[in-house]
Amino acid sequence: MAGAIPAAVFTRGRSRRTAILVGGTITGAGIVGILVFNFLVPLFLSAALVGFGGIIATSSGAALLADATESARRATRFGQQIALGTTASFLSSAIAGVLATPVAALLGGRPEDALVLRTLVACGGVIAAASIAPVLAIRAVPVERHTLEPPKRNALVRRFIVIEVLFGFGAGSFLPFLNLFFADRYGVPFSALGLVLGVLAVAGSIGALLHGRFVAARIGAIPSIVLVEALSLPFALVAAFTVSLPLAVAALATRHFLMFGASGTVNAFQLSSFTPAERAGANAVFALAWSAANAAGAVLSGAVRARLGPDGFTVNIVTLVVAYGLAAILTWRLFAGHEPGGDVAPAAPLA
């Protein structure tokens, strides 16, 4: 239960750089396991390592970015971070799609063969490993021990977890299977999937760059978050029911533009609500809640499609819309009057 989480969960571990390096190492070990194992249990454990290490690294990285940014510019900075990530996603998707055929020819297989996919993943892992270089250049700065009072902190955690669970479940109901959606419903070939997914990633990048600077800065964090989340829902519904591939791509690209735009502001709002000592831990708790709900949504969506076939994607997207709509309503109800105070919190001893 979130209310029973002690302060040590949020504050243990003072160096952001060390945590990022540890998380990256664990993630790398998981990727290696995915590449070398062929059986379900070791593959499952390797994937768990990827997720576990990723949460450690990204939570500490997000806290580091929050610490290094003034509160007034935090939404913009997080938007820029998300834009860089989605742009990298576009490049990786597009490049992987282009390379699939020549790599398959080189290996004497087909683009969809496991060996080809593993080779592409291995190339991506090598590139990702290069990210350790800038991390090593970061000076290890200890984090001050000040925290919010436990009742205030735990109440915030409970409210944020509710939102994260709804968004995680909704996202898991459809987003992990975007490639299958385009392949199964519209017959998009494997070699073109990278380009289609790249279009969505670019749309998300543009939204992330614009939201914090031009929307949140003018109407406030919570109104801007709820507004774009609500506006994204009709576009998701269009994608659920249309039989036109161009219209589906355009609708989902607009949805990505709006939702990724809100993501940076959401991250900044969350981390600004906690003191520097609490940010990495709080972000990790939220990531775990989101990931658990995301997994549940993915399991349910898979069961739906197993029964309904490609038509199950319509149910999956409708599930996403319902979950996101409820999350938008609760975001307004739970946080409309909340002013983040993590940067000015009074000193308090660790519980």
Protein backbone atom coordinates (compact mmCIF):
# COMPACT_ATOMS: atom_id res chain seq x y z
CA MET A 1 0.00 0.00 0.00
CA ALA A 2 1.39 3.38 -1.02
CA GLY A 3 0.58 5.04 2.28
CA ALA A 4 2.81 2.60 4.13
CA ILE A 5 5.92 3.20 2.03
CA PRO A 6 8.72 4.48 4.30
CA ALA A 7 10.85 7.48 3.40
CA ALA A 8 13.88 5.25 2.89
CA VAL A 9 12.25 3.79 -0.22
CA PHE A 10 12.32 7.23 -1.78
CA THR A 11 15.64 8.51 -0.51
CA ARG A 12 18.06 5.57 -0.35
CA GLY A 13 20.93 6.06 -2.81
CA ARG A 14 22.40 9.53 -3.07
CA SER A 15 24.19 9.57 -6.43
CA ARG A 16 22.16 9.89 -9.61
CA ARG A 17 25.11 8.88 -11.78
CA THR A 18 25.77 5.67 -9.87
CA ALA A 19 22.11 4.64 -10.11
CA ILE A 20 22.03 5.33 -13.86
CA LEU A 21 25.14 3.22 -14.40
CA VAL A 22 23.78 0.36 -12.29
CA GLY A 23 20.46 0.44 -14.11
CA GLY A 24 22.18 0.52 -17.49
CA THR A 25 24.33 -2.47 -16.57
CA ILE A 26 21.30 -4.50 -15.48
CA THR A 27 19.48 -3.57 -18.69
CA GLY A 28 22.47 -4.59 -20.76
CA ALA A 29 22.60 -7.97 -19.02
CA GLY A 30 18.91 -8.47 -19.84
CA ILE A 31 19.46 -7.64 -23.52
CA VAL A 32 22.30 -10.16 -23.69
CA GLY A 33 20.00 -12.77 -22.17
CA ILE A 34 17.31 -12.07 -24.76
CA LEU A 35 19.86 -12.54 -27.52
CA VAL A 36 21.39 -15.80 -26.31
CA PHE A 37 18.51 -17.75 -24.73
CA ASN A 38 15.86 -19.70 -26.63
CA PHE A 39 13.61 -20.94 -23.83
CA LEU A 40 10.68 -19.11 -22.25
CA VAL A 41 11.83 -18.93 -18.61
CA PRO A 42 15.30 -17.44 -19.25
CA LEU A 43 13.81 -15.13 -21.87
CA PHE A 44 11.21 -13.99 -19.36
CA LEU A 45 13.86 -13.38 -16.70
CA SER A 46 16.02 -11.49 -19.20
CA ALA A 47 13.09 -9.28 -20.17
CA ALA A 48 12.45 -8.67 -16.46
CA LEU A 49 16.06 -7.51 -16.09
CA VAL A 50 15.59 -5.09 -18.98
CA GLY A 51 12.52 -3.62 -17.29
CA PHE A 52 14.08 -3.52 -13.83
CA GLY A 53 17.28 -1.90 -15.00
CA GLY A 54 15.36 0.51 -17.18
CA ILE A 55 13.26 1.72 -14.25
CA ILE A 56 16.39 2.35 -12.17
CA ALA A 57 18.18 4.23 -14.93
CA THR A 58 15.26 6.28 -16.18
CA SER A 59 14.03 7.19 -12.68
CA SER A 60 17.45 8.48 -11.65
CA GLY A 61 17.89 10.21 -15.00
CA ALA A 62 14.54 11.95 -14.66
CA ALA A 63 15.42 13.06 -11.13
CA LEU A 64 18.77 14.37 -12.38
CA LEU A 65 17.06 16.39 -15.10
CA ALA A 66 14.56 17.78 -12.59
CA ASP A 67 17.36 18.75 -10.20
CA ALA A 68 19.26 20.54 -12.95
CA THR A 69 16.26 22.54 -14.21
CA GLU A 70 14.39 25.51 -12.76
CA SER A 71 10.80 24.67 -11.96
CA ALA A 72 9.44 27.21 -14.47
CA ARG A 73 11.31 25.53 -17.33
CA ARG A 74 10.98 21.93 -16.19
CA ALA A 75 8.03 21.03 -18.43
CA THR A 76 9.88 22.36 -21.47
CA ARG A 77 13.04 20.42 -20.60
CA PHE A 78 11.14 17.18 -20.09
CA GLY A 79 9.36 17.77 -23.38
CA GLN A 80 12.72 18.15 -25.09
CA GLN A 81 13.92 14.92 -23.47
CA ILE A 82 10.84 13.04 -24.69
CA ALA A 83 11.24 14.56 -28.17
CA LEU A 84 14.81 13.29 -28.34
CA GLY A 85 13.67 9.85 -27.23
CA THR A 86 10.84 9.62 -29.74
CA THR A 87 13.08 10.92 -32.52
CA ALA A 88 15.56 8.19 -31.67
CA SER A 89 12.64 5.75 -31.76
CA PHE A 90 11.78 6.95 -35.25
CA LEU A 91 15.34 6.51 -36.44
CA SER A 92 15.64 3.06 -34.90
CA SER A 93 12.30 1.91 -36.34
CA ALA A 94 13.03 3.26 -39.80
CA ILE A 95 16.60 1.95 -39.89
CA ALA A 96 15.58 -1.47 -38.57
CA GLY A 97 12.87 -1.72 -41.22
CA VAL A 98 15.29 -0.78 -43.98
CA LEU A 99 18.00 -3.15 -42.75
CA ALA A 100 15.69 -6.12 -42.19
CA THR A 101 15.80 -7.32 -45.81
CA PRO A 102 19.56 -7.00 -46.41
CA VAL A 103 20.35 -8.52 -43.01
CA ALA A 104 17.98 -11.40 -43.77
CA ALA A 105 19.69 -11.94 -47.12
CA LEU A 106 23.09 -11.88 -45.42
CA LEU A 107 21.97 -14.48 -42.88
CA GLY A 108 20.09 -16.57 -45.41
CA GLY A 109 16.71 -16.12 -43.80
CA ARG A 110 13.53 -14.03 -43.92
CA PRO A 111 13.05 -10.55 -42.42
CA GLU A 112 10.65 -11.92 -39.78
CA ASP A 113 12.97 -14.75 -38.68
CA ALA A 114 14.07 -14.74 -35.03
CA LEU A 115 17.77 -14.67 -35.97
CA VAL A 116 17.27 -11.56 -38.08
CA LEU A 117 15.32 -9.80 -35.34
CA ARG A 118 17.95 -10.73 -32.77
CA THR A 119 20.69 -9.36 -34.99
CA LEU A 120 18.86 -6.05 -35.31
CA VAL A 121 18.28 -5.95 -31.53
CA ALA A 122 21.96 -6.66 -30.94
CA CYS A 123 22.94 -3.74 -33.17
CA GLY A 124 20.59 -1.49 -31.23
CA GLY A 125 22.05 -2.73 -27.95
CA VAL A 126 25.57 -1.84 -29.07
CA ILE A 127 24.44 1.66 -29.96
CA ALA A 128 22.59 2.01 -26.65
CA ALA A 129 25.71 0.95 -24.77
CA ALA A 130 27.44 4.03 -26.15
CA SER A 131 25.18 6.15 -23.95
CA ILE A 132 27.40 5.25 -21.00
CA ALA A 133 29.98 7.76 -22.24
CA PRO A 134 28.03 10.95 -21.38
CA VAL A 135 26.87 9.39 -18.11
CA LEU A 136 30.49 8.90 -17.06
CA ALA A 137 31.07 12.59 -17.72
CA ILE A 138 28.42 13.54 -15.13
CA ARG A 139 29.84 14.55 -11.79
CA ALA A 140 28.47 12.41 -8.93
CA VAL A 141 26.57 14.95 -6.84
CA PRO A 142 25.06 13.79 -3.51
CA VAL A 143 21.38 14.54 -2.98
CA GLU A 144 20.27 16.57 0.04
CA ARG A 145 18.26 14.66 2.65
CA HIS A 146 15.28 17.01 3.00
CA THR A 147 11.88 15.34 2.50
CA LEU A 148 8.22 16.22 2.62
CA GLU A 149 6.31 15.31 5.73
CA PRO A 150 5.26 11.62 5.39
CA PRO A 151 1.48 12.25 5.40
CA LYS A 152 1.78 14.78 2.58
CA ARG A 153 4.20 12.63 0.59
CA ASN A 154 2.13 9.46 0.90
CA ALA A 155 -1.09 11.22 -0.03
CA LEU A 156 0.58 12.52 -3.18
CA VAL A 157 1.94 9.08 -4.00
CA ARG A 158 -1.48 7.47 -3.69
CA ARG A 159 -3.08 10.03 -6.01
CA PHE A 160 -0.35 9.79 -8.63
CA ILE A 161 -0.45 5.98 -8.55
CA VAL A 162 -4.16 5.99 -9.38
CA ILE A 163 -3.46 8.04 -12.50
CA GLU A 164 -0.45 5.93 -13.48
CA VAL A 165 -2.41 2.68 -13.17
CA LEU A 166 -5.16 3.97 -15.45
CA PHE A 167 -2.74 5.24 -18.06
CA GLY A 168 -0.62 2.09 -17.84
CA PHE A 169 -3.62 -0.20 -18.28
CA GLY A 170 -4.95 1.85 -21.19
CA ALA A 171 -1.57 1.98 -22.92
CA GLY A 172 -0.99 -1.74 -22.43
CA SER A 173 -4.33 -2.49 -24.03
CA PHE A 174 -3.08 -1.32 -27.42
CA LEU A 175 0.24 0.53 -27.75
CA PRO A 176 2.64 -2.45 -27.38
CA PHE A 177 0.94 -4.00 -30.41
CA LEU A 178 0.99 -1.06 -32.81
CA ASN A 179 3.12 -3.02 -35.26
CA LEU A 180 0.66 -5.94 -35.21
CA PHE A 181 -2.25 -3.52 -35.62
CA PHE A 182 -0.86 -2.20 -38.89
CA ALA A 183 0.36 -5.61 -40.07
CA ASP A 184 -2.76 -7.64 -39.25
CA ARG A 185 -5.48 -5.12 -40.01
CA TYR A 186 -3.98 -3.29 -42.99
CA GLY A 187 -1.41 -5.75 -44.31
CA VAL A 188 1.55 -3.39 -43.92
CA PRO A 189 4.71 -5.37 -44.80
CA PHE A 190 7.45 -5.76 -42.22
CA SER A 191 9.85 -3.59 -44.24
CA ALA A 192 7.39 -0.66 -44.14
CA LEU A 193 6.40 -0.94 -40.48
CA GLY A 194 9.44 1.06 -39.39
CA LEU A 195 8.38 4.00 -41.54
CA VAL A 196 4.78 3.90 -40.27
CA LEU A 197 5.88 3.73 -36.63
CA GLY A 198 8.43 6.43 -37.35
CA VAL A 199 5.70 8.81 -38.50
CA LEU A 200 3.97 8.34 -35.15
CA ALA A 201 7.23 8.90 -33.29
CA VAL A 202 7.95 12.14 -35.14
CA ALA A 203 4.43 13.39 -34.37
CA GLY A 204 5.04 12.62 -30.70
CA SER A 205 8.36 14.45 -30.80
CA ILE A 206 6.79 17.60 -32.21
CA GLY A 207 4.05 17.50 -29.59
CA ALA A 208 6.58 17.07 -26.79
CA LEU A 209 8.53 20.11 -28.00
CA LEU A 210 5.49 22.35 -28.24
CA HIS A 211 3.34 21.50 -25.23
CA GLY A 212 5.50 22.68 -22.35
CA ARG A 213 6.56 25.90 -24.04
CA PHE A 214 3.35 27.01 -25.71
CA VAL A 215 0.46 25.31 -23.91
CA ALA A 216 1.41 24.54 -20.31
CA ALA A 217 3.22 27.86 -19.96
CA ARG A 218 0.04 29.73 -20.88
CA ILE A 219 -2.82 27.89 -19.20
CA GLY A 220 -1.05 25.93 -16.46
CA ALA A 221 0.10 22.34 -16.05
CA ILE A 222 -3.11 20.54 -15.09
CA PRO A 223 -5.48 22.36 -17.49
CA SER A 224 -3.05 21.77 -20.36
CA ILE A 225 -2.59 18.09 -19.48
CA VAL A 226 -6.32 17.39 -19.22
CA LEU A 227 -7.10 19.39 -22.37
CA VAL A 228 -4.77 17.49 -24.69
CA GLU A 229 -5.61 14.14 -23.12
CA ALA A 230 -9.31 14.75 -23.78
CA LEU A 231 -8.63 15.97 -27.33
CA SER A 232 -6.64 12.81 -28.11
CA LEU A 233 -9.55 10.45 -27.44
CA PRO A 234 -11.62 11.09 -30.62
CA PHE A 235 -8.56 10.45 -32.79
CA ALA A 236 -8.00 7.11 -31.07
CA LEU A 237 -11.61 6.19 -31.79
CA VAL A 238 -11.18 7.08 -35.48
CA ALA A 239 -8.25 4.66 -35.64
CA ALA A 240 -10.36 2.00 -33.92
CA PHE A 241 -13.07 1.96 -36.57
CA THR A 242 -11.58 3.18 -39.85
CA VAL A 243 -10.71 0.77 -42.65
CA SER A 244 -8.42 3.31 -44.31
CA LEU A 245 -4.69 2.94 -43.61
CA PRO A 246 -3.83 6.61 -44.30
CA LEU A 247 -6.65 7.76 -42.02
CA ALA A 248 -5.54 5.36 -39.26
CA VAL A 249 -1.95 6.61 -39.49
CA ALA A 250 -3.09 10.25 -39.45
CA ALA A 251 -5.42 9.67 -36.48
CA LEU A 252 -2.82 7.85 -34.41
CA ALA A 253 -0.16 10.41 -35.34
CA THR A 254 -2.43 13.16 -34.00
CA ARG A 255 -3.06 11.11 -30.87
CA HIS A 256 0.70 10.72 -30.40
CA PHE A 257 1.19 14.45 -30.97
CA LEU A 258 -1.23 15.26 -28.16
CA MET A 259 -0.34 12.53 -25.65
CA PHE A 260 3.43 12.77 -25.99
CA GLY A 261 3.02 16.52 -25.70
CA ALA A 262 1.39 16.08 -22.32
CA SER A 263 3.96 13.52 -21.12
CA GLY A 264 6.75 16.02 -20.48
CA THR A 265 4.45 18.28 -18.51
CA VAL A 266 3.15 15.31 -16.50
CA ASN A 267 6.69 14.22 -15.62
CA ALA A 268 7.70 17.72 -14.62
CA PHE A 269 4.56 18.19 -12.52
CA GLN A 270 5.10 14.89 -10.71
CA LEU A 271 8.77 15.40 -9.89
CA SER A 272 8.24 19.04 -8.92
CA SER A 273 5.83 17.77 -6.27
CA PHE A 274 8.64 15.97 -4.41
CA THR A 275 11.95 17.09 -2.95
CA PRO A 276 15.20 16.14 -4.74
CA ALA A 277 15.82 13.35 -2.21
CA GLU A 278 12.45 11.77 -3.03
CA ARG A 279 12.30 12.22 -6.79
CA ALA A 280 14.12 9.15 -8.04
CA GLY A 281 12.28 6.84 -5.63
CA ALA A 282 8.89 8.37 -6.32
CA ASN A 283 9.47 8.16 -10.06
CA ALA A 284 10.45 4.49 -9.70
CA VAL A 285 7.27 3.73 -7.71
CA PHE A 286 5.15 5.39 -10.40
CA ALA A 287 7.01 3.52 -13.14
CA LEU A 288 6.39 0.21 -11.36
CA ALA A 289 2.69 0.99 -10.98
CA TRP A 290 2.44 1.98 -14.65
CA SER A 291 4.37 -1.09 -15.80
CA ALA A 292 2.27 -3.52 -13.73
CA ALA A 293 -0.95 -2.04 -15.09
CA ASN A 294 0.54 -1.99 -18.58
CA ALA A 295 1.31 -5.71 -18.33
CA ALA A 296 -2.24 -6.43 -17.18
CA GLY A 297 -3.63 -4.46 -20.10
CA ALA A 298 -1.37 -6.29 -22.54
CA VAL A 299 -2.47 -9.70 -21.24
CA LEU A 300 -6.12 -8.76 -21.53
CA SER A 301 -5.71 -7.30 -25.01
CA GLY A 302 -3.93 -10.44 -26.18
CA ALA A 303 -6.79 -12.59 -24.90
CA VAL A 304 -9.32 -10.37 -26.68
CA ARG A 305 -7.50 -10.59 -30.00
CA ALA A 306 -7.05 -14.34 -29.64
CA ARG A 307 -10.83 -14.64 -29.49
CA LEU A 308 -11.81 -11.94 -32.01
CA GLY A 309 -8.84 -11.84 -34.39
CA PRO A 310 -7.91 -8.49 -36.01
CA ASP A 311 -11.32 -7.09 -34.99
CA GLY A 312 -10.08 -7.35 -31.42
CA PHE A 313 -7.96 -4.27 -32.03
CA THR A 314 -11.16 -2.21 -32.01
CA VAL A 315 -11.95 -3.45 -28.51
CA ASN A 316 -8.35 -2.78 -27.46
CA ILE A 317 -8.45 0.84 -28.61
CA VAL A 318 -11.85 1.44 -27.03
CA THR A 319 -10.39 0.10 -23.77
CA LEU A 320 -7.55 2.60 -24.11
CA VAL A 321 -10.02 5.44 -24.67
CA VAL A 322 -12.09 4.52 -21.61
CA ALA A 323 -9.01 4.24 -19.37
CA TYR A 324 -7.48 7.48 -20.65
CA GLY A 325 -10.76 9.33 -20.35
CA LEU A 326 -11.17 8.24 -16.74
CA ALA A 327 -7.53 9.18 -16.05
CA ALA A 328 -8.11 12.66 -17.49
CA ILE A 329 -11.17 13.18 -15.30
CA LEU A 330 -9.36 12.03 -12.16
CA THR A 331 -6.31 14.13 -13.01
CA TRP A 332 -8.53 17.20 -12.88
CA ARG A 333 -10.39 16.07 -9.76
CA LEU A 334 -7.27 15.08 -7.81
CA PHE A 335 -4.79 17.75 -8.87
CA ALA A 336 -6.64 20.85 -10.07
CA GLY A 337 -5.86 22.60 -6.78
CA HIS A 338 -2.39 21.14 -6.24
CA GLU A 339 0.67 23.39 -6.44
CA PRO A 340 3.97 21.43 -6.60
CA GLY A 341 6.15 22.32 -3.61
CA GLY A 342 9.09 19.99 -3.81
CA ASP A 343 11.58 22.73 -4.62
CA VAL A 344 10.65 24.77 -1.58
CA ALA A 345 9.84 22.03 0.91
CA PRO A 346 11.01 22.66 4.48
CA ALA A 347 13.74 20.47 5.89
CA ALA A 348 12.54 17.32 7.60
CA PRO A 349 14.48 14.35 8.90
CA LEU A 350 14.23 10.99 7.22
CA ALA A 351 11.50 8.83 8.72
